[in-house]
Amino acid sequence: MQVAIVLYPGFTSLDVIGPYEVLGRLPDTEVVFVAEQPGLVRNDLKSLSINVVTTIADVTEPDVVLVGGGPGQPAQMSDGELHEWLRTVDRTSAWTASVCTGSLILAAAGVLNGRQATTHWAAMEQLVEFGVTPSKQRVVIDGHYATAAGVSAGIDMALALAGLIAGDDVAQTVQLIIEYAPEPPYHAGSLESAPAAVVESATNKLSARFPAR
């Protein structure tokens, strides 16, 4: 099985590295990071780069396609080489997946039209603009599409995919290997559980990226 993870300048690291840690541990699986051009691709914090040696043109029939989000996502919304590739590989992929605002890229490419999907809580309304029904679920499976909410939800989504691809026992084995048993010290991980002051602070910090509509 081949898993192709799309990178672009300004990606959020955990969006792609979380699923990489899960899917890369499945039996007989090759994970390739792909981009339009080879070379170092720098993340949103500008302190981590991944050296991409495989272009999207080199990968023609991946079994799983995954697109992460990040502040660089708006620059990937125009129709072009990446969107054409996503539409092409989606025709043969077993799974087309996204994390965070990566679903907006899939939606802009037209592959999520008429589907349910999720994304980061601050970008939820943008899905509607592309004919997608937004869902507040942490992980959404609709047909052969798997979408995850913000950043850390990519691990949950990848484990769900692992179970669907390789079976529950294999997925649970991977979960134990990576010791994924979250016990956060705070309960501010969702709009419903976060204190009002925290919601306001997070909204203000994200306002430039997700302006009010």
Protein backbone atom coordinates (compact mmCIF):
# COMPACT_ATOMS: atom_id res chain seq x y z
CA MET A 1 0.00 0.00 0.00
CA GLN A 2 1.25 3.48 -0.85
CA VAL A 3 0.28 6.52 1.21
CA ALA A 4 0.94 9.93 -0.34
CA ILE A 5 1.05 12.87 2.06
CA VAL A 6 0.88 16.28 0.39
CA LEU A 7 3.14 19.08 1.59
CA TYR A 8 3.23 22.78 0.74
CA PRO A 9 4.92 25.82 2.32
CA GLY A 10 3.27 26.75 5.62
CA PHE A 11 1.88 23.32 6.49
CA THR A 12 1.19 22.51 10.15
CA SER A 13 3.56 19.75 11.22
CA LEU A 14 1.26 17.63 13.40
CA ASP A 15 -1.39 17.60 10.66
CA VAL A 16 0.87 15.35 8.61
CA ILE A 17 3.30 13.85 11.12
CA GLY A 18 0.53 12.44 13.34
CA PRO A 19 -1.02 10.40 10.50
CA TYR A 20 2.46 9.52 9.24
CA GLU A 21 3.31 7.91 12.58
CA VAL A 22 0.14 5.81 12.43
CA LEU A 23 -0.18 4.87 8.75
CA GLY A 24 3.54 4.35 8.31
CA ARG A 25 3.41 1.51 10.83
CA LEU A 26 0.85 -0.55 8.91
CA PRO A 27 2.13 -3.75 7.30
CA ASP A 28 3.47 -3.52 3.75
CA THR A 29 3.01 0.24 3.64
CA GLU A 30 5.14 2.88 1.96
CA VAL A 31 4.60 6.52 2.94
CA VAL A 32 5.83 9.21 0.56
CA PHE A 33 5.75 12.95 1.12
CA VAL A 34 4.87 14.68 -2.13
CA ALA A 35 4.81 18.27 -3.36
CA GLU A 36 4.57 20.09 -6.66
CA GLN A 37 8.34 20.65 -6.63
CA PRO A 38 11.11 18.67 -4.91
CA GLY A 39 13.17 20.21 -2.12
CA LEU A 40 12.81 21.44 1.43
CA VAL A 41 9.26 22.40 2.41
CA ARG A 42 9.09 24.56 5.54
CA ASN A 43 6.29 24.39 8.10
CA ASP A 44 4.16 27.22 9.47
CA LEU A 45 6.46 27.87 12.41
CA LYS A 46 9.38 28.16 9.98
CA SER A 47 11.55 25.98 12.19
CA LEU A 48 11.04 22.56 10.62
CA SER A 49 11.49 21.47 7.01
CA ILE A 50 10.81 18.17 5.27
CA ASN A 51 12.95 17.28 2.27
CA VAL A 52 10.53 16.18 -0.43
CA VAL A 53 12.17 14.03 -3.09
CA THR A 54 8.99 12.84 -4.82
CA THR A 55 6.75 15.18 -6.78
CA ILE A 56 3.02 14.70 -7.23
CA ALA A 57 3.73 13.92 -10.89
CA ASP A 58 5.79 10.92 -9.77
CA VAL A 59 2.92 9.39 -7.78
CA THR A 60 0.08 8.36 -10.07
CA GLU A 61 -1.99 5.80 -8.14
CA PRO A 62 -1.55 6.09 -4.37
CA ASP A 63 -3.84 3.94 -2.26
CA VAL A 64 -4.27 6.69 0.33
CA VAL A 65 -3.98 10.44 -0.26
CA LEU A 66 -3.70 12.79 2.71
CA VAL A 67 -3.70 16.59 2.75
CA GLY A 68 -2.94 18.53 5.91
CA GLY A 69 -3.80 22.11 6.76
CA GLY A 70 -1.92 25.13 8.00
CA PRO A 71 -1.51 28.86 7.35
CA GLY A 72 -0.18 27.99 3.91
CA GLN A 73 -3.51 26.45 2.93
CA PRO A 74 -5.09 29.61 1.39
CA ALA A 75 -2.31 29.68 -1.23
CA GLN A 76 -3.37 26.17 -2.31
CA MET A 77 -6.99 27.03 -3.07
CA SER A 78 -6.61 28.10 -6.70
CA ASP A 79 -7.21 25.48 -9.36
CA GLY A 80 -3.94 24.24 -10.77
CA GLU A 81 -1.50 21.34 -10.78
CA LEU A 82 -2.25 20.19 -7.23
CA HIS A 83 -6.02 20.29 -7.71
CA GLU A 84 -5.80 18.41 -11.00
CA TRP A 85 -3.63 15.77 -9.35
CA LEU A 86 -6.05 15.43 -6.44
CA ARG A 87 -8.97 14.93 -8.82
CA THR A 88 -7.02 12.35 -10.82
CA VAL A 89 -5.72 10.22 -7.94
CA ASP A 90 -9.09 10.43 -6.17
CA ARG A 91 -10.57 8.32 -8.97
CA THR A 92 -8.45 5.32 -8.01
CA SER A 93 -7.53 5.87 -4.36
CA ALA A 94 -8.99 3.63 -1.69
CA TRP A 95 -9.03 6.63 0.66
CA THR A 96 -8.76 10.37 0.20
CA ALA A 97 -8.18 12.06 3.55
CA SER A 98 -7.49 15.40 5.16
CA VAL A 99 -6.61 16.95 8.47
CA CYS A 100 -7.69 20.40 9.66
CA THR A 101 -8.00 22.89 6.77
CA GLY A 102 -6.66 20.32 4.36
CA SER A 103 -10.33 19.53 3.74
CA LEU A 104 -10.73 23.02 2.28
CA ILE A 105 -8.12 22.14 -0.34
CA LEU A 106 -9.96 18.93 -1.17
CA ALA A 107 -13.23 20.87 -1.29
CA ALA A 108 -11.77 23.52 -3.59
CA ALA A 109 -10.53 20.75 -5.89
CA GLY A 110 -14.14 19.56 -6.12
CA VAL A 111 -13.75 16.07 -4.69
CA LEU A 112 -15.89 16.65 -1.58
CA ASN A 113 -18.90 18.09 -3.36
CA GLY A 114 -22.08 16.72 -1.81
CA ARG A 115 -20.19 15.04 1.02
CA GLN A 116 -20.02 15.55 4.76
CA ALA A 117 -16.64 16.66 6.08
CA THR A 118 -15.01 18.39 8.99
CA THR A 119 -12.19 20.87 9.43
CA HIS A 120 -10.76 23.22 12.05
CA TRP A 121 -13.56 24.79 14.12
CA ALA A 122 -12.65 28.29 12.93
CA ALA A 123 -13.00 27.32 9.25
CA MET A 124 -16.16 25.22 9.41
CA GLU A 125 -18.38 27.67 7.52
CA GLN A 126 -15.97 27.78 4.58
CA LEU A 127 -16.83 24.20 3.65
CA VAL A 128 -20.37 25.28 2.75
CA GLU A 129 -19.01 27.52 -0.01
CA PHE A 130 -17.81 24.40 -1.85
CA GLY A 131 -20.99 22.37 -1.59
CA VAL A 132 -19.81 20.40 1.44
CA THR A 133 -21.93 19.71 4.50
CA PRO A 134 -19.84 20.61 7.57
CA SER A 135 -19.82 18.29 10.55
CA LYS A 136 -18.64 19.00 14.09
CA GLN A 137 -17.54 15.41 14.55
CA ARG A 138 -13.84 14.93 15.25
CA VAL A 139 -13.54 12.38 12.44
CA VAL A 140 -15.93 12.05 9.50
CA ILE A 141 -16.05 9.07 7.15
CA ASP A 142 -18.22 9.57 4.06
CA GLY A 143 -17.70 7.13 1.23
CA HIS A 144 -13.97 6.80 0.65
CA TYR A 145 -13.31 10.21 2.21
CA ALA A 146 -11.94 10.59 5.73
CA THR A 147 -11.62 14.07 7.23
CA ALA A 148 -10.35 15.15 10.62
CA ALA A 149 -10.98 18.28 12.65
CA GLY A 150 -8.10 20.48 13.79
CA VAL A 151 -4.46 19.32 13.97
CA SER A 152 -4.40 16.65 16.71
CA ALA A 153 -7.54 15.02 15.32
CA GLY A 154 -5.40 13.67 12.50
CA ILE A 155 -4.13 10.94 14.82
CA ASP A 156 -7.69 9.83 15.57
CA MET A 157 -8.54 9.84 11.88
CA ALA A 158 -5.43 7.86 10.96
CA LEU A 159 -6.23 5.24 13.59
CA ALA A 160 -9.78 4.98 12.25
CA LEU A 161 -8.36 4.49 8.75
CA ALA A 162 -5.85 1.95 10.06
CA GLY A 163 -8.74 -0.09 11.45
CA LEU A 164 -10.67 0.08 8.20
CA ILE A 165 -7.60 -0.82 6.14
CA ALA A 166 -5.85 -3.42 8.26
CA GLY A 167 -8.37 -4.41 10.94
CA ASP A 168 -9.02 -3.41 14.52
CA ASP A 169 -6.27 -5.56 16.02
CA VAL A 170 -3.60 -3.99 13.82
CA ALA A 171 -4.89 -0.47 14.51
CA GLN A 172 -4.93 -1.08 18.24
CA THR A 173 -1.41 -2.50 18.08
CA VAL A 174 -0.24 0.70 16.40
CA GLN A 175 -2.08 2.75 19.02
CA LEU A 176 -0.25 0.90 21.78
CA ILE A 177 3.12 1.18 20.04
CA ILE A 178 2.79 4.96 19.82
CA GLU A 179 1.18 4.97 23.31
CA TYR A 180 -1.70 7.12 22.18
CA ALA A 181 -3.74 7.47 25.37
CA PRO A 182 -4.25 11.22 25.73
CA GLU A 183 -4.81 12.65 29.18
CA PRO A 184 -4.56 16.42 28.62
CA PRO A 185 -3.96 18.60 31.68
CA TYR A 186 -6.71 20.95 30.52
CA HIS A 187 -10.16 20.54 29.04
CA ALA A 188 -9.91 23.38 26.55
CA GLY A 189 -9.61 21.29 23.41
CA SER A 190 -13.03 22.16 21.96
CA LEU A 191 -15.33 25.14 21.74
CA GLU A 192 -17.79 23.35 23.99
CA SER A 193 -15.33 22.67 26.80
CA ALA A 194 -12.99 25.67 26.67
CA PRO A 195 -13.61 28.64 29.02
CA ALA A 196 -15.08 31.70 27.34
CA ALA A 197 -11.89 33.70 27.85
CA VAL A 198 -9.85 30.98 26.13
CA VAL A 199 -12.25 30.85 23.19
CA GLU A 200 -11.96 34.62 22.84
CA SER A 201 -8.16 34.48 23.02
CA ALA A 202 -7.92 31.71 20.41
CA THR A 203 -10.40 33.44 18.13
CA ASN A 204 -8.41 36.66 18.29
CA LYS A 205 -5.16 34.87 17.51
CA LEU A 206 -6.75 33.17 14.50
CA SER A 207 -8.68 36.19 13.24
CA ALA A 208 -6.15 37.10 10.55
CA ARG A 209 -6.26 33.59 9.13
CA PHE A 210 -9.99 33.03 9.57
CA PRO A 211 -11.70 36.43 9.27
CA ALA A 212 -15.33 36.70 10.35
CA ARG A 213 -17.79 36.19 7.52
